[in-house]
Structures are given as C-alpha cells and as structure tokens.
PDB file of all heavy atoms in Angstrom:
ATOM      1  N   ASN A   1      11.692  -9.977 -85.785  1.00  0.00           N
ATOM      2  CA  ASN A   1      11.501 -11.125 -84.882  1.00  0.00           C
ATOM      3  C   ASN A   1      12.766 -11.407 -84.091  1.00  0.00           C
ATOM      4  O   ASN A   1      13.873 -11.441 -84.642  1.00  0.00           O
ATOM      5  CB  ASN A   1      11.119 -12.379 -85.688  1.00  0.00           C
ATOM      6  CG  ASN A   1       9.764 -12.236 -86.366  1.00  0.00           C
ATOM      7  OD1 ASN A   1       8.810 -11.763 -85.756  1.00  0.00           O
ATOM      8  ND2 ASN A   1       9.684 -12.655 -87.623  1.00  0.00           N
ATOM      9  N   ASP A   2      12.591 -11.608 -82.798  1.00  0.00           N
ATOM     10  CA  ASP A   2      13.693 -12.002 -81.920  1.00  0.00           C
ATOM     11  C   ASP A   2      13.598 -13.503 -81.640  1.00  0.00           C
ATOM     12  O   ASP A   2      12.511 -14.091 -81.686  1.00  0.00           O
ATOM     13  CB  ASP A   2      13.623 -11.237 -80.584  1.00  0.00           C
ATOM     14  CG  ASP A   2      13.652  -9.728 -80.797  1.00  0.00           C
ATOM     15  OD1 ASP A   2      14.501  -9.261 -81.566  1.00  0.00           O
ATOM     16  OD2 ASP A   2      12.803  -9.031 -80.200  1.00  0.00           O
ATOM     17  N   ARG A   3      14.752 -14.104 -81.326  1.00  0.00           N
ATOM     18  CA  ARG A   3      14.730 -15.508 -80.931  1.00  0.00           C
ATOM     19  C   ARG A   3      15.574 -15.674 -79.666  1.00  0.00           C
ATOM     20  O   ARG A   3      16.813 -15.615 -79.719  1.00  0.00           O
ATOM     21  CB  ARG A   3      15.295 -16.400 -82.041  1.00  0.00           C
ATOM     22  CG  ARG A   3      15.097 -17.893 -81.771  1.00  0.00           C
ATOM     23  CD  ARG A   3      15.501 -18.724 -82.963  1.00  0.00           C
ATOM     24  NE  ARG A   3      16.965 -18.729 -83.135  1.00  0.00           N
ATOM     25  CZ  ARG A   3      17.582 -19.249 -84.190  1.00  0.00           C
ATOM     26  NH1 ARG A   3      16.865 -19.763 -85.178  1.00  0.00           N
ATOM     27  NH2 ARG A   3      18.901 -19.233 -84.291  1.00  0.00           N
ATOM     28  N   ILE A   4      14.885 -15.793 -78.587  1.00  0.00           N
ATOM     29  CA  ILE A   4      15.562 -15.951 -77.306  1.00  0.00           C
ATOM     30  C   ILE A   4      14.844 -17.009 -76.475  1.00  0.00           C
ATOM     31  O   ILE A   4      13.767 -17.493 -76.840  1.00  0.00           O
ATOM     32  CB  ILE A   4      15.618 -14.621 -76.529  1.00  0.00           C
ATOM     33  CG1 ILE A   4      14.215 -14.013 -76.389  1.00  0.00           C
ATOM     34  CG2 ILE A   4      16.543 -13.625 -77.210  1.00  0.00           C
ATOM     35  CD1 ILE A   4      14.176 -12.745 -75.610  1.00  0.00           C
ATOM     36  N   TRP A   5      15.446 -17.367 -75.337  1.00  0.00           N
ATOM     37  CA  TRP A   5      14.914 -18.429 -74.504  1.00  0.00           C
ATOM     38  C   TRP A   5      13.660 -17.998 -73.756  1.00  0.00           C
ATOM     39  O   TRP A   5      13.269 -16.830 -73.773  1.00  0.00           O
ATOM     40  CB  TRP A   5      16.004 -18.905 -73.534  1.00  0.00           C
ATOM     41  CG  TRP A   5      16.606 -17.789 -72.718  1.00  0.00           C
ATOM     42  CD1 TRP A   5      16.158 -17.320 -71.528  1.00  0.00           C
ATOM     43  CD2 TRP A   5      17.749 -17.015 -73.051  1.00  0.00           C
ATOM     44  NE1 TRP A   5      16.935 -16.291 -71.092  1.00  0.00           N
ATOM     45  CE2 TRP A   5      17.941 -16.084 -72.011  1.00  0.00           C
ATOM     46  CE3 TRP A   5      18.661 -17.012 -74.144  1.00  0.00           C
ATOM     47  CZ2 TRP A   5      18.992 -15.162 -71.995  1.00  0.00           C
ATOM     48  CZ3 TRP A   5      19.700 -16.101 -74.122  1.00  0.00           C
ATOM     49  CH2 TRP A   5      19.856 -15.189 -73.065  1.00  0.00           C
ATOM     50  N   GLU A   6      13.092 -18.960 -73.070  1.00  0.00           N
ATOM     51  CA  GLU A   6      11.855 -18.706 -72.333  1.00  0.00           C
ATOM     52  C   GLU A   6      12.110 -17.865 -71.096  1.00  0.00           C
ATOM     53  O   GLU A   6      13.256 -17.616 -70.713  1.00  0.00           O
ATOM     54  CB  GLU A   6      11.206 -20.035 -71.931  1.00  0.00           C
ATOM     55  CG  GLU A   6      10.788 -20.894 -73.113  1.00  0.00           C
ATOM     56  CD  GLU A   6      10.191 -22.215 -72.670  1.00  0.00           C
ATOM     57  OE1 GLU A   6      10.183 -22.471 -71.440  1.00  0.00           O
ATOM     58  OE2 GLU A   6       9.747 -22.981 -73.537  1.00  0.00           O
ATOM     59  N   ASP A   7      10.999 -17.446 -70.460  1.00  0.00           N
ATOM     60  CA  ASP A   7      11.033 -16.637 -69.233  1.00  0.00           C
ATOM     61  C   ASP A   7      11.740 -15.293 -69.452  1.00  0.00           C
ATOM     62  O   ASP A   7      12.411 -14.781 -68.547  1.00  0.00           O
ATOM     63  CB  ASP A   7      11.722 -17.408 -68.094  1.00  0.00           C
ATOM     64  CG  ASP A   7      11.008 -18.705 -67.760  1.00  0.00           C
ATOM     65  OD1 ASP A   7       9.763 -18.728 -67.881  1.00  0.00           O
ATOM     66  OD2 ASP A   7      11.690 -19.689 -67.411  1.00  0.00           O
ATOM     67  N   VAL A   8      11.583 -14.731 -70.640  1.00  0.00           N
ATOM     68  CA  VAL A   8      12.130 -13.414 -70.945  1.00  0.00           C
ATOM     69  C   VAL A   8      10.977 -12.514 -71.389  1.00  0.00           C
ATOM     70  O   VAL A   8      10.152 -12.908 -72.213  1.00  0.00           O
ATOM     71  CB  VAL A   8      13.205 -13.484 -72.046  1.00  0.00           C
ATOM     72  CG1 VAL A   8      13.629 -12.073 -72.453  1.00  0.00           C
ATOM     73  CG2 VAL A   8      14.402 -14.270 -71.556  1.00  0.00           C
ATOM     74  N   THR A   9      10.934 -11.308 -70.857  1.00  0.00           N
ATOM     75  CA  THR A   9       9.879 -10.347 -71.202  1.00  0.00           C
ATOM     76  C   THR A   9      10.427  -9.316 -72.187  1.00  0.00           C
ATOM     77  O   THR A   9      11.471  -8.709 -71.926  1.00  0.00           O
ATOM     78  CB  THR A   9       9.354  -9.626 -69.944  1.00  0.00           C
ATOM     79  OG1 THR A   9       8.850 -10.598 -69.016  1.00  0.00           O
ATOM     80  CG2 THR A   9       8.260  -8.640 -70.314  1.00  0.00           C
ATOM     81  N   ILE A  10       9.714  -9.145 -73.283  1.00  0.00           N
ATOM     82  CA  ILE A  10      10.116  -8.160 -74.296  1.00  0.00           C
ATOM     83  C   ILE A  10       9.014  -7.107 -74.423  1.00  0.00           C
ATOM     84  O   ILE A  10       7.850  -7.438 -74.668  1.00  0.00           O
ATOM     85  CB  ILE A  10      10.349  -8.833 -75.659  1.00  0.00           C
ATOM     86  CG1 ILE A  10      11.399  -9.948 -75.535  1.00  0.00           C
ATOM     87  CG2 ILE A  10      10.774  -7.801 -76.703  1.00  0.00           C
ATOM     88  CD1 ILE A  10      11.618 -10.710 -76.821  1.00  0.00           C
ATOM     89  N   SER A  11       9.379  -5.850 -74.249  1.00  0.00           N
ATOM     90  CA  SER A  11       8.388  -4.769 -74.343  1.00  0.00           C
ATOM     91  C   SER A  11       8.110  -4.425 -75.802  1.00  0.00           C
ATOM     92  O   SER A  11       8.818  -4.860 -76.714  1.00  0.00           O
ATOM     93  CB  SER A  11       8.900  -3.520 -73.616  1.00  0.00           C
ATOM     94  OG  SER A  11       9.978  -2.939 -74.336  1.00  0.00           O
ATOM     95  N   ASP A  12       7.061  -3.636 -76.020  1.00  0.00           N
ATOM     96  CA  ASP A  12       6.787  -3.116 -77.359  1.00  0.00           C
ATOM     97  C   ASP A  12       7.791  -2.016 -77.703  1.00  0.00           C
ATOM     98  O   ASP A  12       8.409  -1.410 -76.816  1.00  0.00           O
ATOM     99  CB  ASP A  12       5.364  -2.543 -77.425  1.00  0.00           C
ATOM    100  CG  ASP A  12       4.310  -3.619 -77.262  1.00  0.00           C
ATOM    101  OD1 ASP A  12       4.580  -4.774 -77.644  1.00  0.00           O
ATOM    102  OD2 ASP A  12       3.220  -3.294 -76.746  1.00  0.00           O
ATOM    103  N   TRP A  13       7.942  -1.762 -78.988  1.00  0.00           N
ATOM    104  CA  TRP A  13       8.800  -0.661 -79.411  1.00  0.00           C
ATOM    105  C   TRP A  13       8.195   0.665 -78.958  1.00  0.00           C
ATOM    106  O   TRP A  13       6.989   0.888 -79.087  1.00  0.00           O
ATOM    107  CB  TRP A  13       8.956  -0.651 -80.926  1.00  0.00           C
ATOM    108  CG  TRP A  13       9.807  -1.764 -81.481  1.00  0.00           C
ATOM    109  CD1 TRP A  13       9.376  -2.889 -82.100  1.00  0.00           C
ATOM    110  CD2 TRP A  13      11.227  -1.836 -81.457  1.00  0.00           C
ATOM    111  NE1 TRP A  13      10.422  -3.684 -82.472  1.00  0.00           N
ATOM    112  CE2 TRP A  13      11.593  -3.056 -82.089  1.00  0.00           C
ATOM    113  CE3 TRP A  13      12.231  -1.018 -80.958  1.00  0.00           C
ATOM    114  CZ2 TRP A  13      12.908  -3.457 -82.250  1.00  0.00           C
ATOM    115  CZ3 TRP A  13      13.553  -1.413 -81.121  1.00  0.00           C
ATOM    116  CH2 TRP A  13      13.901  -2.615 -81.753  1.00  0.00           C
ATOM    117  N   ALA A  14       9.040   1.564 -78.462  1.00  0.00           N
ATOM    118  CA  ALA A  14       8.597   2.877 -78.002  1.00  0.00           C
ATOM    119  C   ALA A  14       9.506   3.956 -78.587  1.00  0.00           C
ATOM    120  O   ALA A  14      10.720   3.741 -78.749  1.00  0.00           O
ATOM    121  CB  ALA A  14       8.619   2.944 -76.479  1.00  0.00           C
ATOM    122  N   TYR A  15       8.933   5.103 -78.884  1.00  0.00           N
ATOM    123  CA  TYR A  15       9.687   6.198 -79.497  1.00  0.00           C
ATOM    124  C   TYR A  15      10.816   6.663 -78.583  1.00  0.00           C
ATOM    125  O   TYR A  15      10.632   6.871 -77.384  1.00  0.00           O
ATOM    126  CB  TYR A  15       8.739   7.364 -79.799  1.00  0.00           C
ATOM    127  CG  TYR A  15       9.435   8.612 -80.272  1.00  0.00           C
ATOM    128  CD1 TYR A  15       9.996   8.673 -81.543  1.00  0.00           C
ATOM    129  CD2 TYR A  15       9.507   9.737 -79.455  1.00  0.00           C
ATOM    130  CE1 TYR A  15      10.628   9.827 -81.981  1.00  0.00           C
ATOM    131  CE2 TYR A  15      10.128  10.901 -79.891  1.00  0.00           C
ATOM    132  CZ  TYR A  15      10.700  10.935 -81.149  1.00  0.00           C
ATOM    133  OH  TYR A  15      11.327  12.077 -81.581  1.00  0.00           O
ATOM    134  N   ALA A  16      12.020   6.837 -79.181  1.00  0.00           N
ATOM    135  CA  ALA A  16      13.182   7.281 -78.416  1.00  0.00           C
ATOM    136  C   ALA A  16      13.710   8.635 -78.876  1.00  0.00           C
ATOM    137  O   ALA A  16      14.311   9.374 -78.095  1.00  0.00           O
ATOM    138  CB  ALA A  16      14.295   6.239 -78.519  1.00  0.00           C
ATOM    139  N   GLY A  17      13.514   8.994 -80.156  1.00  0.00           N
ATOM    140  CA  GLY A  17      14.011  10.270 -80.669  1.00  0.00           C
ATOM    141  C   GLY A  17      14.238  10.197 -82.162  1.00  0.00           C
ATOM    142  O   GLY A  17      13.896   9.202 -82.821  1.00  0.00           O
ATOM    143  N   MET A  18      14.867  11.269 -82.708  1.00  0.00           N
ATOM    144  CA  MET A  18      15.113  11.319 -84.153  1.00  0.00           C
ATOM    145  C   MET A  18      16.482  11.919 -84.445  1.00  0.00           C
ATOM    146  O   MET A  18      16.959  12.801 -83.720  1.00  0.00           O
ATOM    147  CB  MET A  18      14.040  12.164 -84.847  1.00  0.00           C
ATOM    148  CG  MET A  18      12.644  11.582 -84.845  1.00  0.00           C
ATOM    149  SD  MET A  18      11.462  12.610 -85.782  1.00  0.00           S
ATOM    150  CE  MET A  18      11.452  14.097 -84.774  1.00  0.00           C
ATOM    151  N   TYR A  19      17.092  11.418 -85.500  1.00  0.00           N
ATOM    152  CA  TYR A  19      18.265  12.039 -86.099  1.00  0.00           C
ATOM    153  C   TYR A  19      17.823  12.676 -87.417  1.00  0.00           C
ATOM    154  O   TYR A  19      17.060  12.077 -88.184  1.00  0.00           O
ATOM    155  CB  TYR A  19      19.352  11.007 -86.408  1.00  0.00           C
ATOM    156  CG  TYR A  19      20.074  10.458 -85.200  1.00  0.00           C
ATOM    157  CD1 TYR A  19      19.873   9.140 -84.798  1.00  0.00           C
ATOM    158  CD2 TYR A  19      20.975  11.237 -84.484  1.00  0.00           C
ATOM    159  CE1 TYR A  19      20.551   8.614 -83.702  1.00  0.00           C
ATOM    160  CE2 TYR A  19      21.654  10.725 -83.378  1.00  0.00           C
ATOM    161  CZ  TYR A  19      21.431   9.414 -82.994  1.00  0.00           C
ATOM    162  OH  TYR A  19      22.097   8.901 -81.897  1.00  0.00           O
ATOM    163  N   LEU A  20      18.332  13.881 -87.687  1.00  0.00           N
ATOM    164  CA  LEU A  20      18.075  14.537 -88.964  1.00  0.00           C
ATOM    165  C   LEU A  20      19.412  14.853 -89.614  1.00  0.00           C
ATOM    166  O   LEU A  20      20.228  15.588 -89.043  1.00  0.00           O
ATOM    167  CB  LEU A  20      17.265  15.824 -88.775  1.00  0.00           C
ATOM    168  CG  LEU A  20      16.960  16.625 -90.048  1.00  0.00           C
ATOM    169  CD1 LEU A  20      16.157  15.794 -91.037  1.00  0.00           C
ATOM    170  CD2 LEU A  20      16.216  17.920 -89.720  1.00  0.00           C
ATOM    171  N   LEU A  21      19.641  14.304 -90.788  1.00  0.00           N
ATOM    172  CA  LEU A  21      20.901  14.493 -91.501  1.00  0.00           C
ATOM    173  C   LEU A  21      20.656  15.337 -92.748  1.00  0.00           C
ATOM    174  O   LEU A  21      19.806  14.992 -93.586  1.00  0.00           O
ATOM    175  CB  LEU A  21      21.504  13.148 -91.916  1.00  0.00           C
ATOM    176  CG  LEU A  21      22.250  12.341 -90.843  1.00  0.00           C
ATOM    177  CD1 LEU A  21      21.337  11.959 -89.689  1.00  0.00           C
ATOM    178  CD2 LEU A  21      22.891  11.105 -91.451  1.00  0.00           C
ATOM    179  N   ASN A  22      21.386  16.463 -92.871  1.00  0.00           N
ATOM    180  CA  ASN A  22      21.263  17.353 -94.020  1.00  0.00           C
ATOM    181  C   ASN A  22      22.531  17.268 -94.861  1.00  0.00           C
ATOM    182  O   ASN A  22      23.645  17.444 -94.347  1.00  0.00           O
ATOM    183  CB  ASN A  22      21.048  18.800 -93.561  1.00  0.00           C
ATOM    184  CG  ASN A  22      19.733  18.988 -92.841  1.00  0.00           C
ATOM    185  OD1 ASN A  22      18.687  18.638 -93.358  1.00  0.00           O
ATOM    186  ND2 ASN A  22      19.778  19.526 -91.626  1.00  0.00           N
ATOM    187  N   ASN A  23      22.352  17.002 -96.155  1.00  0.00           N
ATOM    188  CA  ASN A  23      23.483  16.867 -97.067  1.00  0.00           C
ATOM    189  C   ASN A  23      24.271  18.183 -97.132  1.00  0.00           C
ATOM    190  O   ASN A  23      23.695  19.250 -97.318  1.00  0.00           O
ATOM    191  CB  ASN A  23      22.988  16.474 -98.460  1.00  0.00           C
ATOM    192  CG  ASN A  23      24.069  15.849 -99.297  1.00  0.00           C
ATOM    193  OD1 ASN A  23      25.207  16.307 -99.297  1.00  0.00           O
ATOM    194  ND2 ASN A  23      23.724  14.792-100.029  1.00  0.00           N
ATOM    195  N   LYS A  24      25.591  18.098 -96.990  1.00  0.00           N
ATOM    196  CA  LYS A  24      26.439  19.285 -97.032  1.00  0.00           C
ATOM    197  C   LYS A  24      26.573  19.830 -98.450  1.00  0.00           C
ATOM    198  O   LYS A  24      26.936  20.995 -98.632  1.00  0.00           O
ATOM    199  CB  LYS A  24      27.820  18.951 -96.469  1.00  0.00           C
ATOM    200  CG  LYS A  24      27.819  18.611 -94.981  1.00  0.00           C
ATOM    201  CD  LYS A  24      29.224  18.264 -94.499  1.00  0.00           C
ATOM    202  CE  LYS A  24      29.216  17.915 -93.006  1.00  0.00           C
ATOM    203  NZ  LYS A  24      30.569  17.550 -92.509  1.00  0.00           N
ATOM    204  N   ASP A  25      26.291  19.014 -99.450  1.00  0.00           N
ATOM    205  CA  ASP A  25      26.368  19.439-100.847  1.00  0.00           C
ATOM    206  C   ASP A  25      25.117  20.249-101.191  1.00  0.00           C
ATOM    207  O   ASP A  25      24.010  19.718-101.262  1.00  0.00           O
ATOM    208  CB  ASP A  25      26.489  18.221-101.758  1.00  0.00           C
ATOM    209  CG  ASP A  25      26.657  18.602-103.225  1.00  0.00           C
ATOM    210  OD1 ASP A  25      26.731  19.821-103.521  1.00  0.00           O
ATOM    211  OD2 ASP A  25      26.704  17.694-104.070  1.00  0.00           O
ATOM    212  N   GLU A  26      25.288  21.550-101.412  1.00  0.00           N
ATOM    213  CA  GLU A  26      24.145  22.421-101.695  1.00  0.00           C
ATOM    214  C   GLU A  26      23.482  22.092-103.028  1.00  0.00           C
ATOM    215  O   GLU A  26      22.326  22.460-103.250  1.00  0.00           O
ATOM    216  CB  GLU A  26      24.594  23.881-101.687  1.00  0.00           C
ATOM    217  CG  GLU A  26      25.078  24.363-100.319  1.00  0.00           C
ATOM    218  CD  GLU A  26      25.479  25.822-100.339  1.00  0.00           C
ATOM    219  OE1 GLU A  26      25.461  26.419-101.442  1.00  0.00           O
ATOM    220  OE2 GLU A  26      25.807  26.353 -99.271  1.00  0.00           O
ATOM    221  N   ASP A  27      24.192  21.410-103.915  1.00  0.00           N
ATOM    222  CA  ASP A  27      23.634  21.066-105.224  1.00  0.00           C
ATOM    223  C   ASP A  27      23.046  19.658-105.255  1.00  0.00           C
ATOM    224  O   ASP A  27      22.659  19.161-106.320  1.00  0.00           O
ATOM    225  CB  ASP A  27      24.719  21.172-106.305  1.00  0.00           C
ATOM    226  CG  ASP A  27      25.222  22.597-106.467  1.00  0.00           C
ATOM    227  OD1 ASP A  27      24.420  23.525-106.296  1.00  0.00           O
ATOM    228  OD2 ASP A  27      26.421  22.767-106.754  1.00  0.00           O
ATOM    229  N   ALA A  28      22.949  19.026-104.091  1.00  0.00           N
ATOM    230  CA  ALA A  28      22.416  17.657-104.035  1.00  0.00           C
ATOM    231  C   ALA A  28      20.963  17.636-104.487  1.00  0.00           C
ATOM    232  O   ALA A  28      20.188  18.541-104.180  1.00  0.00           O
ATOM    233  CB  ALA A  28      22.541  17.108-102.625  1.00  0.00           C
ATOM    234  N   LYS A  29      20.596  16.602-105.233  1.00  0.00           N
ATOM    235  CA  LYS A  29      19.228  16.431-105.705  1.00  0.00           C
ATOM    236  C   LYS A  29      18.590  15.245-104.996  1.00  0.00           C
ATOM    237  O   LYS A  29      19.206  14.595-104.153  1.00  0.00           O
ATOM    238  CB  LYS A  29      19.211  16.207-107.220  1.00  0.00           C
ATOM    239  CG  LYS A  29      19.872  17.328-108.010  1.00  0.00           C
ATOM    240  CD  LYS A  29      19.177  18.661-107.798  1.00  0.00           C
ATOM    241  CE  LYS A  29      19.838  19.760-108.600  1.00  0.00           C
ATOM    242  NZ  LYS A  29      19.210  21.086-108.357  1.00  0.00           N
ATOM    243  N   ASP A  30      17.328  14.983-105.356  1.00  0.00           N
ATOM    244  CA  ASP A  30      16.591  13.899-104.708  1.00  0.00           C
ATOM    245  C   ASP A  30      17.362  12.585-104.722  1.00  0.00           C
ATOM    246  O   ASP A  30      17.432  11.886-103.730  1.00  0.00           O
ATOM    247  CB  ASP A  30      15.241  13.690-105.405  1.00  0.00           C
ATOM    248  CG  ASP A  30      14.216  14.723-104.946  1.00  0.00           C
ATOM    249  OD1 ASP A  30      14.547  15.509-104.056  1.00  0.00           O
ATOM    250  OD2 ASP A  30      13.111  14.733-105.496  1.00  0.00           O
ATOM    251  N   PHE A  31      17.936  12.262-105.888  1.00  0.00           N
ATOM    252  CA  PHE A  31      18.598  10.966-105.993  1.00  0.00           C
ATOM    253  C   PHE A  31      19.895  10.912-105.182  1.00  0.00           C
ATOM    254  O   PHE A  31      20.464   9.843-104.976  1.00  0.00           O
ATOM    255  CB  PHE A  31      18.881  10.621-107.465  1.00  0.00           C
ATOM    256  CG  PHE A  31      19.605  11.702-108.223  1.00  0.00           C
ATOM    257  CD1 PHE A  31      20.984  11.802-108.171  1.00  0.00           C
ATOM    258  CD2 PHE A  31      18.897  12.603-109.000  1.00  0.00           C
ATOM    259  CE1 PHE A  31      21.646  12.791-108.873  1.00  0.00           C
ATOM    260  CE2 PHE A  31      19.561  13.596-109.708  1.00  0.00           C
ATOM    261  CZ  PHE A  31      20.941  13.694-109.653  1.00  0.00           C
ATOM    262  N   ASP A  32      20.391  12.081-104.728  1.00  0.00           N
ATOM    263  CA  ASP A  32      21.592  12.110-103.885  1.00  0.00           C
ATOM    264  C   ASP A  32      21.246  12.005-102.399  1.00  0.00           C
ATOM    265  O   ASP A  32      22.141  11.956-101.572  1.00  0.00           O
ATOM    266  CB  ASP A  32      22.371  13.419-104.110  1.00  0.00           C
ATOM    267  CG  ASP A  32      22.883  13.536-105.541  1.00  0.00           C
ATOM    268  OD1 ASP A  32      23.319  12.523-106.086  1.00  0.00           O
ATOM    269  OD2 ASP A  32      22.825  14.646-106.097  1.00  0.00           O
ATOM    270  N   LYS A  33      19.957  11.974-102.064  1.00  0.00           N
ATOM    271  CA  LYS A  33      19.483  12.036-100.679  1.00  0.00           C
ATOM    272  C   LYS A  33      19.857  13.387-100.056  1.00  0.00           C
ATOM    273  O   LYS A  33      20.885  13.547 -99.420  1.00  0.00           O
ATOM    274  CB  LYS A  33      20.024  10.878 -99.845  1.00  0.00           C
ATOM    275  CG  LYS A  33      19.473   9.522-100.260  1.00  0.00           C
ATOM    276  CD  LYS A  33      19.925   8.426 -99.316  1.00  0.00           C
ATOM    277  CE  LYS A  33      19.348   7.078 -99.742  1.00  0.00           C
ATOM    278  NZ  LYS A  33      19.792   5.973 -98.864  1.00  0.00           N
ATOM    279  N   VAL A  34      18.987  14.360-100.264  1.00  0.00           N
ATOM    280  CA  VAL A  34      19.210  15.710 -99.756  1.00  0.00           C
ATOM    281  C   VAL A  34      19.182  15.710 -98.234  1.00  0.00           C
ATOM    282  O   VAL A  34      19.962  16.402 -97.584  1.00  0.00           O
ATOM    283  CB  VAL A  34      18.147  16.671-100.320  1.00  0.00           C
ATOM    284  CG1 VAL A  34      18.351  18.073 -99.767  1.00  0.00           C
ATOM    285  CG2 VAL A  34      18.219  16.679-101.838  1.00  0.00           C
ATOM    286  N   ASN A  35      18.266  14.937 -97.666  1.00  0.00           N
ATOM    287  CA  ASN A  35      18.228  14.797 -96.206  1.00  0.00           C
ATOM    288  C   ASN A  35      17.741  13.399 -95.841  1.00  0.00           C
ATOM    289  O   ASN A  35      17.198  12.674 -96.678  1.00  0.00           O
ATOM    290  CB  ASN A  35      17.353  15.876 -95.556  1.00  0.00           C
ATOM    291  CG  ASN A  35      15.927  15.867 -96.089  1.00  0.00           C
ATOM    292  OD1 ASN A  35      15.412  14.836 -96.507  1.00  0.00           O
ATOM    293  ND2 ASN A  35      15.282  17.026 -96.092  1.00  0.00           N
ATOM    294  N   GLU A  36      17.959  13.019 -94.579  1.00  0.00           N
ATOM    295  CA  GLU A  36      17.503  11.731 -94.068  1.00  0.00           C
ATOM    296  C   GLU A  36      16.995  11.908 -92.649  1.00  0.00           C
ATOM    297  O   GLU A  36      17.643  12.563 -91.833  1.00  0.00           O
ATOM    298  CB  GLU A  36      18.629  10.689 -94.081  1.00  0.00           C
ATOM    299  CG  GLU A  36      19.110  10.310 -95.458  1.00  0.00           C
ATOM    300  CD  GLU A  36      20.157   9.200 -95.421  1.00  0.00           C
ATOM    301  OE1 GLU A  36      20.823   9.044 -94.366  1.00  0.00           O
ATOM    302  OE2 GLU A  36      20.300   8.497 -96.424  1.00  0.00           O
ATOM    303  N   LEU A  37      15.840  11.346 -92.378  1.00  0.00           N
ATOM    304  CA  LEU A  37      15.264  11.390 -91.038  1.00  0.00           C
ATOM    305  C   LEU A  37      15.259   9.974 -90.461  1.00  0.00           C
ATOM    306  O   LEU A  37      14.655   9.073 -91.047  1.00  0.00           O
ATOM    307  CB  LEU A  37      13.836  11.935 -91.089  1.00  0.00           C
ATOM    308  CG  LEU A  37      13.095  11.944 -89.743  1.00  0.00           C
ATOM    309  CD1 LEU A  37      13.692  13.012 -88.823  1.00  0.00           C
ATOM    310  CD2 LEU A  37      11.608  12.188 -89.949  1.00  0.00           C
ATOM    311  N   TYR A  38      15.934   9.795 -89.327  1.00  0.00           N
ATOM    312  CA  TYR A  38      15.965   8.496 -88.649  1.00  0.00           C
ATOM    313  C   TYR A  38      14.998   8.557 -87.464  1.00  0.00           C
ATOM    314  O   TYR A  38      15.223   9.308 -86.510  1.00  0.00           O
ATOM    315  CB  TYR A  38      17.384   8.173 -88.158  1.00  0.00           C
ATOM    316  CG  TYR A  38      18.333   7.819 -89.271  1.00  0.00           C
ATOM    317  CD1 TYR A  38      18.922   8.813 -90.055  1.00  0.00           C
ATOM    318  CD2 TYR A  38      18.653   6.497 -89.541  1.00  0.00           C
ATOM    319  CE1 TYR A  38      19.789   8.489 -91.080  1.00  0.00           C
ATOM    320  CE2 TYR A  38      19.540   6.157 -90.567  1.00  0.00           C
ATOM    321  CZ  TYR A  38      20.103   7.163 -91.334  1.00  0.00           C
ATOM    322  OH  TYR A  38      20.967   6.835 -92.344  1.00  0.00           O
ATOM    323  N   ASP A  39      13.920   7.804 -87.575  1.00  0.00           N
ATOM    324  CA  ASP A  39      12.933   7.726 -86.493  1.00  0.00           C
ATOM    325  C   ASP A  39      13.351   6.554 -85.590  1.00  0.00           C
ATOM    326  O   ASP A  39      13.186   5.387 -85.950  1.00  0.00           O
ATOM    327  CB  ASP A  39      11.549   7.503 -87.090  1.00  0.00           C
ATOM    328  CG  ASP A  39      10.432   7.814 -86.118  1.00  0.00           C
ATOM    329  OD1 ASP A  39      10.691   8.463 -85.098  1.00  0.00           O
ATOM    330  OD2 ASP A  39       9.280   7.404 -86.397  1.00  0.00           O
ATOM    331  N   VAL A  40      13.885   6.873 -84.417  1.00  0.00           N
ATOM    332  CA  VAL A  40      14.518   5.877 -83.552  1.00  0.00           C
ATOM    333  C   VAL A  40      13.542   5.383 -82.483  1.00  0.00           C
ATOM    334  O   VAL A  40      12.889   6.199 -81.813  1.00  0.00           O
ATOM    335  CB  VAL A  40      15.782   6.448 -82.882  1.00  0.00           C
ATOM    336  CG1 VAL A  40      16.457   5.376 -82.024  1.00  0.00           C
ATOM    337  CG2 VAL A  40      16.743   6.974 -83.946  1.00  0.00           C
ATOM    338  N   TYR A  41      13.489   4.059 -82.313  1.00  0.00           N
ATOM    339  CA  TYR A  41      12.643   3.430 -81.293  1.00  0.00           C
ATOM    340  C   TYR A  41      13.496   2.481 -80.445  1.00  0.00           C
ATOM    341  O   TYR A  41      14.579   2.051 -80.860  1.00  0.00           O
ATOM    342  CB  TYR A  41      11.495   2.660 -81.956  1.00  0.00           C
ATOM    343  CG  TYR A  41      10.271   3.514 -82.224  1.00  0.00           C
ATOM    344  CD1 TYR A  41      10.331   4.581 -83.108  1.00  0.00           C
ATOM    345  CD2 TYR A  41       9.064   3.249 -81.585  1.00  0.00           C
ATOM    346  CE1 TYR A  41       9.217   5.366 -83.353  1.00  0.00           C
ATOM    347  CE2 TYR A  41       7.936   4.031 -81.825  1.00  0.00           C
ATOM    348  CZ  TYR A  41       8.020   5.086 -82.710  1.00  0.00           C
ATOM    349  OH  TYR A  41       6.921   5.856 -82.935  1.00  0.00           O
ATOM    350  N   LYS A  42      12.981   2.147 -79.282  1.00  0.00           N
ATOM    351  CA  LYS A  42      13.692   1.230 -78.394  1.00  0.00           C
ATOM    352  C   LYS A  42      12.711   0.271 -77.718  1.00  0.00           C
ATOM    353  O   LYS A  42      11.512   0.534 -77.642  1.00  0.00           O
ATOM    354  CB  LYS A  42      14.458   2.002 -77.317  1.00  0.00           C
ATOM    355  CG  LYS A  42      13.567   2.774 -76.353  1.00  0.00           C
ATOM    356  CD  LYS A  42      14.392   3.534 -75.331  1.00  0.00           C
ATOM    357  CE  LYS A  42      13.482   4.325 -74.381  1.00  0.00           C
ATOM    358  NZ  LYS A  42      14.267   5.071 -73.371  1.00  0.00           N
ATOM    359  N   LYS A  43      13.225  -0.823 -77.236  1.00  0.00           N
ATOM    360  CA  LYS A  43      12.435  -1.769 -76.451  1.00  0.00           C
ATOM    361  C   LYS A  43      13.356  -2.417 -75.420  1.00  0.00           C
ATOM    362  O   LYS A  43      14.583  -2.432 -75.580  1.00  0.00           O
ATOM    363  CB  LYS A  43      11.790  -2.831 -77.340  1.00  0.00           C
ATOM    364  CG  LYS A  43      12.766  -3.770 -78.025  1.00  0.00           C
ATOM    365  CD  LYS A  43      12.028  -4.784 -78.877  1.00  0.00           C
ATOM    366  CE  LYS A  43      13.000  -5.697 -79.632  1.00  0.00           C
ATOM    367  NZ  LYS A  43      12.271  -6.693 -80.452  1.00  0.00           N
ATOM    368  N   THR A  44      12.793  -2.943 -74.370  1.00  0.00           N
ATOM    369  CA  THR A  44      13.568  -3.579 -73.309  1.00  0.00           C
ATOM    370  C   THR A  44      13.347  -5.083 -73.328  1.00  0.00           C
ATOM    371  O   THR A  44      12.250  -5.559 -73.633  1.00  0.00           O
ATOM    372  CB  THR A  44      13.177  -3.020 -71.934  1.00  0.00           C
ATOM    373  OG1 THR A  44      11.777  -3.227 -71.728  1.00  0.00           O
ATOM    374  CG2 THR A  44      13.504  -1.540 -71.842  1.00  0.00           C
TER     375      THR A  44
END
C-alpha cells in the first residue's frame, strides 16, 4: 500500500525482469540457499 496525496495516478505492477543468483559454494545445500530468483516488477 502506498500513501500519497490526491490527483496522483499509480499504474499496476508490470514485469521488468529477473535476477538469478547462484551460490559460489559448490557444497551449498538447500538451507544455504543454493540459488535465488528475483522476479522484478515496476510501476509508475
């Protein structure tokens, strides 16, 4: 939720891209977070 003054238009969230992070530790397990995917969105 945003809180701003009147007469302002806010668009819906729209897909912008993704970041994919791969753990450099080859022995990393699930609990170490082997990888992470950031699904990035934007709005105006």
